[in-house]
C-alpha atoms as a PDB file:
ATOM      1  CA  MET A   1      41.448 103.929 100.776  1.00  0.00           C
ATOM      2  CA  LYS A   2      43.537 100.765 100.835  1.00  0.00           C
ATOM      3  CA  VAL A   3      43.150  98.828  97.647  1.00  0.00           C
ATOM      4  CA  VAL A   4      44.623  95.382  96.993  1.00  0.00           C
ATOM      5  CA  ALA A   5      44.662  94.069  93.493  1.00  0.00           C
ATOM      6  CA  VAL A   6      44.032  90.342  92.980  1.00  0.00           C
ATOM      7  CA  ILE A   7      44.989  88.482  89.823  1.00  0.00           C
ATOM      8  CA  ALA A   8      44.788  84.882  88.609  1.00  0.00           C
ATOM      9  CA  THR A   9      47.219  83.896  85.852  1.00  0.00           C
ATOM     10  CA  PHE A  10      48.101  80.898  83.753  1.00  0.00           C
ATOM     11  CA  ARG A  11      51.207  80.935  81.546  1.00  0.00           C
ATOM     12  CA  ARG A  12      50.874  84.599  80.485  1.00  0.00           C
ATOM     13  CA  PHE A  13      54.158  86.111  81.401  1.00  0.00           C
ATOM     14  CA  GLU A  14      54.070  89.043  78.860  1.00  0.00           C
ATOM     15  CA  GLU A  15      50.514  89.936  79.598  1.00  0.00           C
ATOM     16  CA  LEU A  16      51.070  89.844  83.382  1.00  0.00           C
ATOM     17  CA  ASN A  17      54.273  91.842  83.153  1.00  0.00           C
ATOM     18  CA  ARG A  18      52.397  94.505  81.140  1.00  0.00           C
ATOM     19  CA  LEU A  19      49.605  94.632  83.793  1.00  0.00           C
ATOM     20  CA  LEU A  20      52.049  94.906  86.676  1.00  0.00           C
ATOM     21  CA  GLU A  21      53.863  97.767  84.996  1.00  0.00           C
ATOM     22  CA  SER A  22      50.640  99.628  84.444  1.00  0.00           C
ATOM     23  CA  LEU A  23      49.602  99.182  88.037  1.00  0.00           C
ATOM     24  CA  GLY A  24      52.921 100.631  89.140  1.00  0.00           C
ATOM     25  CA  LYS A  25      51.926 103.830  87.329  1.00  0.00           C
ATOM     26  CA  SER A  26      48.685 104.241  89.137  1.00  0.00           C
ATOM     27  CA  GLU A  27      48.039 107.764  90.592  1.00  0.00           C
ATOM     28  CA  VAL A  28      46.380 106.020  93.589  1.00  0.00           C
ATOM     29  CA  ARG A  29      49.029 103.800  95.112  1.00  0.00           C
ATOM     30  CA  LEU A  30      47.927 100.305  95.626  1.00  0.00           C
ATOM     31  CA  HIS A  31      48.064  98.868  99.194  1.00  0.00           C
ATOM     32  CA  GLY A  32      49.135  95.533  97.821  1.00  0.00           C
ATOM     33  CA  ILE A  33      48.974  93.002  94.865  1.00  0.00           C
ATOM     34  CA  VAL A  34      48.313  89.308  95.047  1.00  0.00           C
ATOM     35  CA  VAL A  35      48.900  87.026  92.100  1.00  0.00           C
ATOM     36  CA  ALA A  36      47.704  83.463  92.125  1.00  0.00           C
ATOM     37  CA  ASP A  37      49.614  81.308  89.586  1.00  0.00           C
ATOM     38  CA  ASN A  38      47.571  78.392  88.351  1.00  0.00           C
ATOM     39  CA  ALA A  39      50.692  76.934  86.515  1.00  0.00           C
ATOM     40  CA  ASP A  40      53.311  77.315  89.291  1.00  0.00           C
ATOM     41  CA  GLU A  41      55.985  78.697  86.918  1.00  0.00           C
ATOM     42  CA  VAL A  42      59.492  79.786  88.081  1.00  0.00           C
ATOM     43  CA  GLN A  43      59.382  82.613  85.578  1.00  0.00           C
ATOM     44  CA  ILE A  44      56.132  84.021  86.847  1.00  0.00           C
ATOM     45  CA  ARG A  45      57.164  83.764  90.496  1.00  0.00           C
ATOM     46  CA  ALA A  46      60.267  85.730  89.757  1.00  0.00           C
ATOM     47  CA  LEU A  47      58.343  88.359  87.880  1.00  0.00           C
ATOM     48  CA  VAL A  48      55.729  88.769  90.678  1.00  0.00           C
ATOM     49  CA  GLU A  49      58.151  88.796  93.532  1.00  0.00           C
ATOM     50  CA  GLY A  50      60.538  91.074  91.700  1.00  0.00           C
ATOM     51  CA  SER A  51      57.641  93.625  91.318  1.00  0.00           C
ATOM     52  CA  GLY A  52      57.045  93.568  95.036  1.00  0.00           C
ATOM     53  CA  ALA A  53      53.710  91.801  94.734  1.00  0.00           C
ATOM     54  CA  ARG A  54      52.677  88.667  96.754  1.00  0.00           C
ATOM     55  CA  TYR A  55      52.913  85.319  94.961  1.00  0.00           C
ATOM     56  CA  VAL A  56      50.765  82.272  95.735  1.00  0.00           C
ATOM     57  CA  VAL A  57      50.279  78.923  93.881  1.00  0.00           C
ATOM     58  CA  ALA A  58      46.922  77.388  92.927  1.00  0.00           C
ATOM     59  CA  PRO A  59      48.275  73.914  92.189  1.00  0.00           C
ATOM     60  CA  GLY A  60      46.871  71.765  89.358  1.00  0.00           C
ATOM     61  CA  ASN A  61      45.314  74.464  87.309  1.00  0.00           C
ATOM     62  CA  PRO A  62      42.012  74.613  89.247  1.00  0.00           C
ATOM     63  CA  GLY A  63      40.631  77.438  87.051  1.00  0.00           C
ATOM     64  CA  CYS A  64      40.228  81.232  87.213  1.00  0.00           C
ATOM     65  CA  GLY A  65      37.626  81.154  89.929  1.00  0.00           C
ATOM     66  CA  ALA A  66      39.741  78.976  92.255  1.00  0.00           C
ATOM     67  CA  GLY A  67      42.761  81.146  91.569  1.00  0.00           C
ATOM     68  CA  LEU A  68      40.936  84.370  92.366  1.00  0.00           C
ATOM     69  CA  ALA A  69      39.368  82.798  95.544  1.00  0.00           C
ATOM     70  CA  LEU A  70      42.903  81.990  96.715  1.00  0.00           C
ATOM     71  CA  ALA A  71      44.198  85.461  95.897  1.00  0.00           C
ATOM     72  CA  GLU A  72      41.184  87.113  97.742  1.00  0.00           C
ATOM     73  CA  LYS A  73      41.681  84.835 100.826  1.00  0.00           C
ATOM     74  CA  THR A  74      45.430  85.670 100.780  1.00  0.00           C
ATOM     75  CA  ALA A  75      44.661  89.440 100.440  1.00  0.00           C
ATOM     76  CA  LEU A  76      42.306  89.418 103.351  1.00  0.00           C
ATOM     77  CA  GLU A  77      44.909  87.577 105.423  1.00  0.00           C
ATOM     78  CA  ALA A  78      47.980  89.439 104.423  1.00  0.00           C
ATOM     79  CA  PHE A  79      46.398  92.900 104.331  1.00  0.00           C
ATOM     80  CA  PRO A  80      43.826  92.907 107.281  1.00  0.00           C
ATOM     81  CA  ASP A  81      43.180  96.626 106.920  1.00  0.00           C
ATOM     82  CA  LEU A  82      42.359  96.641 103.231  1.00  0.00           C
ATOM     83  CA  THR A  83      39.216  98.617 102.169  1.00  0.00           C
ATOM     84  CA  HIS A  84      38.751  97.353  98.612  1.00  0.00           C
ATOM     85  CA  VAL A  85      39.709  94.477  96.374  1.00  0.00           C
ATOM     86  CA  TRP A  86      40.406  95.098  92.720  1.00  0.00           C
ATOM     87  CA  VAL A  87      39.837  91.937  90.680  1.00  0.00           C
ATOM     88  CA  LEU A  88      41.754  92.171  87.393  1.00  0.00           C
ATOM     89  CA  ASP A  89      42.224  89.851  84.390  1.00  0.00           C
ATOM     90  CA  ASP A  90      45.967  89.204  83.753  1.00  0.00           C
ATOM     91  CA  ASP A  91      45.642  90.531  80.210  1.00  0.00           C
ATOM     92  CA  VAL A  92      44.424  93.996  81.263  1.00  0.00           C
ATOM     93  CA  VAL A  93      46.211  97.395  81.063  1.00  0.00           C
ATOM     94  CA  VAL A  94      45.008 100.102  83.432  1.00  0.00           C
ATOM     95  CA  GLU A  95      45.492 103.753  82.962  1.00  0.00           C
ATOM     96  CA  PRO A  96      47.077 105.872  85.757  1.00  0.00           C
ATOM     97  CA  THR A  97      43.754 107.456  86.461  1.00  0.00           C
ATOM     98  CA  THR A  98      41.537 104.300  86.386  1.00  0.00           C
ATOM     99  CA  LEU A  99      41.520 103.499  90.032  1.00  0.00           C
ATOM    100  CA  GLY A 100      41.213 107.044  91.333  1.00  0.00           C
ATOM    101  CA  THR A 101      38.213 107.645  88.940  1.00  0.00           C
ATOM    102  CA  LEU A 102      36.512 104.336  90.053  1.00  0.00           C
ATOM    103  CA  LEU A 103      36.998 105.250  93.748  1.00  0.00           C
ATOM    104  CA  GLY A 104      35.676 108.742  93.178  1.00  0.00           C
ATOM    105  CA  ALA A 105      32.557 107.599  91.340  1.00  0.00           C
ATOM    106  CA  MET A 106      31.555 104.744  93.591  1.00  0.00           C
ATOM    107  CA  GLY A 107      29.770 106.753  96.317  1.00  0.00           C
ATOM    108  CA  ASP A 108      27.756 104.224  98.418  1.00  0.00           C
ATOM    109  CA  ALA A 109      28.136 101.453  95.800  1.00  0.00           C
ATOM    110  CA  GLY A 110      29.574  98.187  96.681  1.00  0.00           C
ATOM    111  CA  SER A 111      31.354  97.532  93.376  1.00  0.00           C
ATOM    112  CA  ALA A 112      32.328  99.486  90.290  1.00  0.00           C
ATOM    113  CA  CYS A 113      33.654  98.551  86.823  1.00  0.00           C
ATOM    114  CA  PRO A 114      35.267 100.775  84.163  1.00  0.00           C
ATOM    115  CA  GLN A 115      34.909 100.826  80.389  1.00  0.00           C
ATOM    116  CA  ALA A 116      36.985  98.246  78.675  1.00  0.00           C
ATOM    117  CA  ALA A 117      38.293  98.639  75.077  1.00  0.00           C
ATOM    118  CA  ASP A 118      40.106  96.321  72.808  1.00  0.00           C
ATOM    119  CA  ALA A 119      43.393  96.880  70.998  1.00  0.00           C
ATOM    120  CA  ARG A 120      41.585  98.895  68.236  1.00  0.00           C
ATOM    121  CA  GLY A 121      39.824 101.147  70.659  1.00  0.00           C
ATOM    122  CA  GLY A 122      36.517  99.323  70.379  1.00  0.00           C
ATOM    123  CA  LEU A 123      34.076  99.049  73.262  1.00  0.00           C
ATOM    124  CA  ASN A 124      33.832  95.560  74.522  1.00  0.00           C
ATOM    125  CA  TRP A 125      33.417  93.356  77.647  1.00  0.00           C
ATOM    126  CA  PHE A 126      30.613  95.413  79.047  1.00  0.00           C
ATOM    127  CA  PRO A 127      28.301  94.812  82.113  1.00  0.00           C
ATOM    128  CA  GLY A 128      24.615  94.299  82.175  1.00  0.00           C
ATOM    129  CA  LEU A 129      23.246  97.798  82.845  1.00  0.00           C
ATOM    130  CA  ILE A 130      19.812  97.825  84.593  1.00  0.00           C
ATOM    131  CA  ARG A 131      18.467 100.526  82.398  1.00  0.00           C
ATOM    132  CA  ARG A 132      17.590  98.687  79.190  1.00  0.00           C
ATOM    133  CA  ALA A 133      17.838 101.792  76.902  1.00  0.00           C
ATOM    134  CA  LYS A 134      21.409 102.481  78.052  1.00  0.00           C
ATOM    135  CA  PHE A 135      22.361  98.798  77.896  1.00  0.00           C
ATOM    136  CA  ASP A 136      21.156  98.688  74.328  1.00  0.00           C
ATOM    137  CA  VAL A 137      23.383 101.653  73.509  1.00  0.00           C
ATOM    138  CA  LEU A 138      26.273 100.021  75.293  1.00  0.00           C
ATOM    139  CA  ARG A 139      25.905  96.818  73.377  1.00  0.00           C
ATOM    140  CA  ARG A 140      25.833  98.687  70.087  1.00  0.00           C
ATOM    141  CA  ALA A 141      28.388 101.482  70.711  1.00  0.00           C
ATOM    142  CA  ALA A 142      31.514 101.056  68.614  1.00  0.00           C
ATOM    143  CA  THR A 143      33.760 103.104  70.935  1.00  0.00           C
ATOM    144  CA  PRO A 144      33.826 104.421  74.454  1.00  0.00           C
ATOM    145  CA  GLY A 145      33.359 107.945  73.081  1.00  0.00           C
ATOM    146  CA  GLU A 146      30.191 106.946  71.274  1.00  0.00           C
ATOM    147  CA  TYR A 147      28.643 105.617  74.494  1.00  0.00           C
ATOM    148  CA  LEU A 148      29.685 108.821  76.425  1.00  0.00           C
ATOM    149  CA  GLU A 149      28.202 110.944  73.728  1.00  0.00           C
ATOM    150  CA  LYS A 150      24.774 109.275  73.749  1.00  0.00           C
ATOM    151  CA  CYS A 151      24.487 108.333  77.488  1.00  0.00           C
ATOM    152  CA  GLY A 152      26.695 110.875  79.326  1.00  0.00           C
ATOM    153  CA  PRO A 153      29.428 110.304  81.934  1.00  0.00           C
ATOM    154  CA  GLN A 154      27.367 109.430  84.998  1.00  0.00           C
ATOM    155  CA  PRO A 155      27.735 106.037  86.655  1.00  0.00           C
ATOM    156  CA  GLU A 156      25.093 103.597  85.726  1.00  0.00           C
ATOM    157  CA  PRO A 157      23.902 100.648  87.995  1.00  0.00           C
ATOM    158  CA  PHE A 158      24.488  97.036  86.684  1.00  0.00           C
ATOM    159  CA  THR A 159      23.455  93.626  87.688  1.00  0.00           C
ATOM    160  CA  TRP A 160      26.354  91.559  86.320  1.00  0.00           C
ATOM    161  CA  ALA A 161      29.772  92.468  85.052  1.00  0.00           C
ATOM    162  CA  THR A 162      32.679  90.711  83.359  1.00  0.00           C
ATOM    163  CA  GLY A 163      35.869  89.969  85.461  1.00  0.00           C
ATOM    164  CA  VAL A 164      38.044  92.287  83.373  1.00  0.00           C
ATOM    165  CA  ALA A 165      38.366  94.939  86.133  1.00  0.00           C
ATOM    166  CA  LEU A 166      35.864  94.917  89.067  1.00  0.00           C
ATOM    167  CA  LEU A 167      36.550  97.045  92.125  1.00  0.00           C
ATOM    168  CA  VAL A 168      34.701  95.651  95.266  1.00  0.00           C
ATOM    169  CA  THR A 169      34.490  97.125  98.711  1.00  0.00           C
ATOM    170  CA  ARG A 170      35.618  94.919 101.597  1.00  0.00           C
ATOM    171  CA  SER A 171      32.138  94.872 103.125  1.00  0.00           C
ATOM    172  CA  THR A 172      30.559  93.769  99.872  1.00  0.00           C
ATOM    173  CA  LEU A 173      33.149  90.994  99.427  1.00  0.00           C
ATOM    174  CA  GLU A 174      32.451  89.749 102.997  1.00  0.00           C
ATOM    175  CA  LYS A 175      28.731  89.693 102.266  1.00  0.00           C
ATOM    176  CA  ALA A 176      28.956  88.181  98.774  1.00  0.00           C
ATOM    177  CA  GLY A 177      31.690  85.685  99.459  1.00  0.00           C
ATOM    178  CA  LEU A 178      34.860  84.869  97.498  1.00  0.00           C
ATOM    179  CA  HIS A 179      34.816  83.584  93.859  1.00  0.00           C
ATOM    180  CA  ARG A 180      33.539  80.078  93.468  1.00  0.00           C
ATOM    181  CA  ALA A 181      36.199  77.398  93.093  1.00  0.00           C
ATOM    182  CA  ASP A 182      34.074  74.945  91.133  1.00  0.00           C
ATOM    183  CA  PHE A 183      33.737  77.068  88.012  1.00  0.00           C
ATOM    184  CA  TRP A 184      36.746  75.775  86.092  1.00  0.00           C
ATOM    185  CA  MET A 185      36.292  77.780  82.943  1.00  0.00           C
ATOM    186  CA  ARG A 186      34.049  80.880  82.114  1.00  0.00           C
ATOM    187  CA  GLY A 187      31.231  82.258  84.126  1.00  0.00           C
ATOM    188  CA  GLU A 188      32.976  82.709  87.508  1.00  0.00           C
ATOM    189  CA  ASP A 189      32.850  86.458  86.940  1.00  0.00           C
ATOM    190  CA  LEU A 190      29.076  86.452  86.297  1.00  0.00           C
ATOM    191  CA  ASP A 191      28.394  84.485  89.518  1.00  0.00           C
ATOM    192  CA  PHE A 192      30.717  86.685  91.629  1.00  0.00           C
ATOM    193  CA  SER A 193      29.378  90.060  90.232  1.00  0.00           C
ATOM    194  CA  LEU A 194      25.732  88.920  90.616  1.00  0.00           C
ATOM    195  CA  ARG A 195      26.436  88.068  94.284  1.00  0.00           C
ATOM    196  CA  CYS A 196      28.129  91.452  94.728  1.00  0.00           C
ATOM    197  CA  THR A 197      25.263  93.427  93.220  1.00  0.00           C
ATOM    198  CA  ARG A 198      22.842  91.457  95.383  1.00  0.00           C
ATOM    199  CA  ALA A 199      24.764  92.456  98.528  1.00  0.00           C
ATOM    200  CA  ALA A 200      25.190  96.146  97.374  1.00  0.00           C
ATOM    201  CA  ARG A 201      24.618  98.320  94.342  1.00  0.00           C
ATOM    202  CA  GLY A 202      27.204  98.082  91.527  1.00  0.00           C
ATOM    203  CA  VAL A 203      27.964 100.923  89.058  1.00  0.00           C
ATOM    204  CA  TYR A 204      29.550 101.157  85.615  1.00  0.00           C
ATOM    205  CA  VAL A 205      31.903 104.104  85.401  1.00  0.00           C
ATOM    206  CA  PRO A 206      32.210 105.194  81.733  1.00  0.00           C
ATOM    207  CA  THR A 207      34.906 107.774  82.611  1.00  0.00           C
ATOM    208  CA  ALA A 208      37.263 105.189  83.979  1.00  0.00           C
ATOM    209  CA  HIS A 209      39.144 103.168  81.245  1.00  0.00           C
ATOM    210  CA  VAL A 210      41.139  99.953  80.854  1.00  0.00           C
ATOM    211  CA  ALA A 211      42.429  98.188  77.821  1.00  0.00           C
ATOM    212  CA  HIS A 212      41.574  94.470  77.632  1.00  0.00           C
ATOM    213  CA  LEU A 213      44.232  92.833  75.409  1.00  0.00           C
ATOM    214  CA  PRO A 214      43.942  89.074  75.364  1.00  0.00           C
ATOM    215  CA  PRO A 215      46.357  87.061  73.307  1.00  0.00           C
ATOM    216  CA  GLY A 216      45.298  86.953  69.609  1.00  0.00           C
ATOM    217  CA  GLY A 217      43.298  90.041  70.089  1.00  0.00           C
ATOM    218  CA  GLY A 218      40.358  88.151  71.665  1.00  0.00           C
ATOM    219  CA  LEU A 219      39.042  87.068  68.323  1.00  0.00           C
ATOM    220  CA  VAL A 220      36.678  84.144  68.348  1.00  0.00           C
ATOM    221  CA  VAL A 221      37.812  81.360  66.028  1.00  0.00           C
ATOM    222  CA  ASN A 222      35.883  78.477  64.710  1.00  0.00           C
ATOM    223  CA  ASP A 223      38.010  76.038  66.673  1.00  0.00           C
ATOM    224  CA  PHE A 224      37.198  73.276  69.049  1.00  0.00           C
ATOM    225  CA  PRO A 225      38.887  74.653  72.155  1.00  0.00           C
ATOM    226  CA  GLU A 226      37.066  77.977  71.750  1.00  0.00           C
ATOM    227  CA  ARG A 227      33.770  76.096  71.128  1.00  0.00           C
ATOM    228  CA  MET A 228      34.328  74.138  74.380  1.00  0.00           C
ATOM    229  CA  LYS A 229      34.951  77.351  76.300  1.00  0.00           C
ATOM    230  CA  HIS A 230      31.728  78.891  75.021  1.00  0.00           C
ATOM    231  CA  ALA A 231      29.896  75.679  75.864  1.00  0.00           C
ATOM    232  CA  ALA A 232      31.301  75.911  79.427  1.00  0.00           C
ATOM    233  CA  MET A 233      29.838  79.494  79.610  1.00  0.00           C
ATOM    234  CA  LEU A 234      26.421  78.339  78.462  1.00  0.00           C
ATOM    235  CA  GLN A 235      26.475  75.574  81.182  1.00  0.00           C
ATOM    236  CA  ASN A 236      27.478  77.961  83.979  1.00  0.00           C
ATOM    237  CA  ALA A 237      24.821  80.417  82.906  1.00  0.00           C
ATOM    238  CA  ALA A 238      22.304  77.662  82.851  1.00  0.00           C
ATOM    239  CA  PHE A 239      23.373  76.498  86.301  1.00  0.00           C
ATOM    240  CA  LEU A 240      23.270  80.095  87.724  1.00  0.00           C
ATOM    241  CA  SER A 241      19.789  80.816  86.214  1.00  0.00           C
ATOM    242  CA  ALA A 242      18.143  77.660  87.426  1.00  0.00           C
ATOM    243  CA  ARG A 243      20.036  76.804  90.680  1.00  0.00           C
ATOM    244  CA  THR A 244      20.836  80.074  92.394  1.00  0.00           C
ATOM    245  CA  ASP A 245      18.674  83.018  93.551  1.00  0.00           C
ATOM    246  CA  HIS A 246      21.096  85.660  92.460  1.00  0.00           C
ATOM    247  CA  GLY A 247      21.471  84.071  88.989  1.00  0.00           C
ATOM    248  CA  ARG A 248      17.763  84.375  88.089  1.00  0.00           C
ATOM    249  CA  ARG A 249      18.656  87.677  86.476  1.00  0.00           C
ATOM    250  CA  LEU A 250      20.547  85.941  83.810  1.00  0.00           C
ATOM    251  CA  ILE A 251      17.475  83.984  82.434  1.00  0.00           C
ATOM    252  CA  ARG A 252      16.573  86.570  79.769  1.00  0.00           C
ATOM    253  CA  HIS A 253      20.151  86.302  78.329  1.00  0.00           C
ATOM    254  CA  ILE A 254      20.046  82.501  77.894  1.00  0.00           C
ATOM    255  CA  PRO A 255      18.289  82.448  74.424  1.00  0.00           C
ATOM    256  CA  GLY A 256      20.468  85.072  72.862  1.00  0.00           C
ATOM    257  CA  ASN A 257      23.691  83.446  74.161  1.00  0.00           C
ATOM    258  CA  SER A 258      22.584  80.029  72.856  1.00  0.00           C
ATOM    259  CA  TRP A 259      21.749  81.464  69.451  1.00  0.00           C
ATOM    260  CA  ARG A 260      25.164  83.245  69.214  1.00  0.00           C
ATOM    261  CA  HIS A 261      26.973  79.931  70.095  1.00  0.00           C
ATOM    262  CA  VAL A 262      25.200  78.044  67.300  1.00  0.00           C
ATOM    263  CA  ARG A 263      25.668  80.981  64.832  1.00  0.00           C
ATOM    264  CA  ARG A 264      29.424  81.040  65.592  1.00  0.00           C
ATOM    265  CA  PHE A 265      30.194  77.438  65.523  1.00  0.00           C
ATOM    266  CA  GLY A 266      27.545  75.979  63.210  1.00  0.00           C
ATOM    267  CA  ILE A 267      24.704  73.453  63.530  1.00  0.00           C
ATOM    268  CA  ARG A 268      27.010  71.029  65.282  1.00  0.00           C
ATOM    269  CA  ALA A 269      27.072  73.320  68.321  1.00  0.00           C
ATOM    270  CA  LEU A 270      23.365  72.783  68.828  1.00  0.00           C
ATOM    271  CA  GLY A 271      24.303  69.704  70.840  1.00  0.00           C
ATOM    272  CA  ASP A 272      26.565  71.846  73.068  1.00  0.00           C
ATOM    273  CA  VAL A 273      23.498  73.959  73.931  1.00  0.00           C
ATOM    274  CA  VAL A 274      21.403  70.922  74.813  1.00  0.00           C
ATOM    275  CA  ARG A 275      24.137  69.357  76.862  1.00  0.00           C
ATOM    276  CA  ALA A 276      24.975  72.583  78.674  1.00  0.00           C
ATOM    277  CA  THR A 277      21.334  73.155  79.465  1.00  0.00           C
ATOM    278  CA  TRP A 278      20.819  69.583  80.706  1.00  0.00           C
ATOM    279  CA  LEU A 279      24.018  69.623  82.851  1.00  0.00           C
ATOM    280  CA  GLY A 280      23.709  73.103  84.196  1.00  0.00           C
ATOM    281  CA  ALA A 281      19.987  73.565  84.746  1.00  0.00           C
ATOM    282  CA  PHE A 282      18.603  70.060  85.273  1.00  0.00           C
ATOM    283  CA  ARG A 283      21.635  68.266  86.785  1.00  0.00           C
ATOM    284  CA  GLY A 284      22.826  71.307  88.738  1.00  0.00           C
ATOM    285  CA  LEU A 285      26.361  70.972  87.724  1.00  0.00           C
ATOM    286  CA  PRO A 286      28.611  74.021  86.884  1.00  0.00           C
ATOM    287  CA  ALA A 287      31.338  73.439  84.250  1.00  0.00           C
ATOM    288  CA  GLY A 288      33.987  72.580  86.754  1.00  0.00           C
ATOM    289  CA  ALA A 289      32.329  70.091  89.053  1.00  0.00           C
ATOM    290  CA  LEU A 290      31.868  66.606  87.675  1.00  0.00           C
ATOM    291  CA  SER A 291      31.209  67.886  84.136  1.00  0.00           C
ATOM    292  CA  GLY A 292      34.347  69.856  84.249  1.00  0.00           C
ATOM    293  CA  GLU A 293      36.255  66.804  83.590  1.00  0.00           C
ATOM    294  CA  PHE A 294      34.479  66.439  80.190  1.00  0.00           C
ATOM    295  CA  PHE A 295      35.788  69.843  79.007  1.00  0.00           C
ATOM    296  CA  ARG A 296      39.351  69.143  80.389  1.00  0.00           C
ATOM    297  CA  ASN A 297      39.529  65.727  78.865  1.00  0.00           C
ATOM    298  CA  GLU A 298      38.100  66.836  75.515  1.00  0.00           C
ATOM    299  CA  LEU A 299      40.566  69.754  75.334  1.00  0.00           C
ATOM    300  CA  PHE A 300      43.513  67.505  76.267  1.00  0.00           C
ATOM    301  CA  ARG A 301      42.529  64.972  73.613  1.00  0.00           C
ATOM    302  CA  TYR A 302      42.190  67.732  71.083  1.00  0.00           C
ATOM    303  CA  SER A 303      45.626  69.169  72.011  1.00  0.00           C
ATOM    304  CA  SER A 304      47.241  65.770  71.909  1.00  0.00           C
ATOM    305  CA  ALA A 305      45.806  64.960  68.459  1.00  0.00           C
ATOM    306  CA  LYS A 306      46.980  68.401  67.110  1.00  0.00           C
ATOM    307  CA  LEU A 307      50.544  67.648  68.459  1.00  0.00           C
ATOM    308  CA  LYS A 308      50.634  64.120  67.024  1.00  0.00           C
ATOM    309  CA  ALA A 309      49.538  65.558  63.659  1.00  0.00           C
ATOM    310  CA  ALA A 310      52.190  68.243  63.799  1.00  0.00           C
ATOM    311  CA  LEU A 311      54.864  65.688  64.664  1.00  0.00           C
ATOM    312  CA  GLY A 312      53.651  63.499  61.801  1.00  0.00           C
ATOM    313  CA  GLU A 313      53.965  66.381  59.367  1.00  0.00           C
ATOM    314  CA  SER A 314      57.448  67.144  60.492  1.00  0.00           C
ATOM    315  CA  LYS A 315      58.638  63.629  59.819  1.00  0.00           C
ATOM    316  CA  ARG A 316      57.480  63.645  56.212  1.00  0.00           C
END
């Protein structure tokens, strides 16, 4: 097996360094690593090239989907004999046995994802298992061990998966296509994994493990940038559900995701749900096409206002 890891990153030196170090300890040696830098930072370039990985620039911060698409394209060109692509978030830490366990459990599947736990060891960032009973256990299980105790170690088929750590065969990637470049924020992993499982079966491997350690512990805060990111997710999900054949399987998750958005961010977020549904489902715009400018501009204005406020406080 010749596996090439593909990673998109944006100003996360410490997290990327941690991931690259963990990949270097893999019991199954990687055929290559490609890192797409959405910020074009000298420090990141030095880190990547110093590790022996291949560095490419995605200029202008086009988003995670565009960065991963560039990394995948580069991997196929630079490593023409690769057999698998391993899509990884830059804030993941893999265990030495993770890749070998995934490869061993795949069988005739076209994609596979491991269990992902947070810094406290809690089970998180799970895929959409086809078997409803096991999906309910997965959603409610507090730890990887609890899921294993109730459901056993066997691989389970899924429809969609997060982009935390998804191993995809070359043939599946060629059938499904690369990541979409017009999903600027959130949802590019749903689209990609749904296309992969439409091309070939995907399996969740509960005996393979990674740690997903985003900055700040991945906690959702009641803050405008986080609210905008969740709104982008709702818009992308609405777009996929209404405008793509492979995304129809997301429809049943739309009400629950919308309710959680309002519950987290308050009644003011109800307007986000309406806007996301209108733009995604009715206008057919993912959060990264024309509507992506709204999120970028709003986030920029928010950041500028916070900076001016901080500067004003420092002058008093």
